[in-house]
Amino acid sequence: MSGRAGIPAPLRGLIVAAGLAAAWQAVVWLTGAPHYILPAPGTVLEALVENAALLAENTGTTAAEILLGLALGTLLGGASALVMDYARTVRRWLMPVLVVSQAVPVFALAPLLVLWLGFGIASKVAMATLIIYFPVTAAFLDGLRRTEPGWTDLAHSMDATRWSALRHIRMPAALPSFASGLRVATAVAPIGAVVGEWVGSSSGLGYLMLNANSRGQTDLMFAALAVLAVLAVALYFTVDRLLVRALPWIAESGAEHRINA
């Protein structure tokens, strides 16, 4: 019902987090797992507080890699979709390259990027860009190709040029698909950065997790994982909210969006 008051999003997040922590603690009690295999939530919280400065420093590195990769992947993906839609010859040549780029596992590409671009931020941004690039390109291109035929016919009847029809009709009509692709890209963006850090880096949450695991600091590893999860969720909902505000004419599906709008 439209008049029904919903639970605020921050409160829902706290409830979900509390439920996951309770289930986690129950698993620790029931299995009797040692702390170096599965630390209790309280132990992880202590590690998070004790290493707050270290975690914050590495979180900044990973966040920068994700944001740069997201921005670059979105720009390249949007531009590629426009070029492939405008020039069909380019689409026939470039589409197989896009498919191959997704068929090759990211773990196979990460060592090459580190070798070519070094242990710095460049290789991690490149990895995030590769992962983000395909969903943005595919979703935007699909939106451009599925424009309502009646709209394009009307543009042609009014002697609109191909570029004018693309700019004023097909691109706006494809923005909902572009937004969906961007949401998917935002959800998978942390994967590229973390995989790059695992292969070779000197900072970042992925590096911290790998280093903590090698030293037997399982509590710190779980703390870094928890921070990464919070970062990923916060980034996703931030992008989602920005898209809702930037594209208000898109009909939002489901009561959840209507309650939170």
Foldseek 3Di string as FASTA:
>chain_A
DLPDADDDPVVVVVVVVVVVLVVLQVCCVVVVDDCLVRNHPVLLVVLCVVCVVQLVVQAVLLVVLLVLLLVLLLVLLVVLLVVCLVDVVSVVVCVVVLVVLVVDDLLVCLVVLCVVVNQDSRSLSVQLSSLLNNLLNVQLNVQLVPFDVVLVVVCVVVVHDPVRCCVPGRNLSSVVSNLVSSLVSLLCSSVSNLSNVCSHYDGHLNVQLVVCSVVSVVSNNVSSVVVVVVVSVVSSVVSVVVSCVVCVVDDDDDVVVVSND
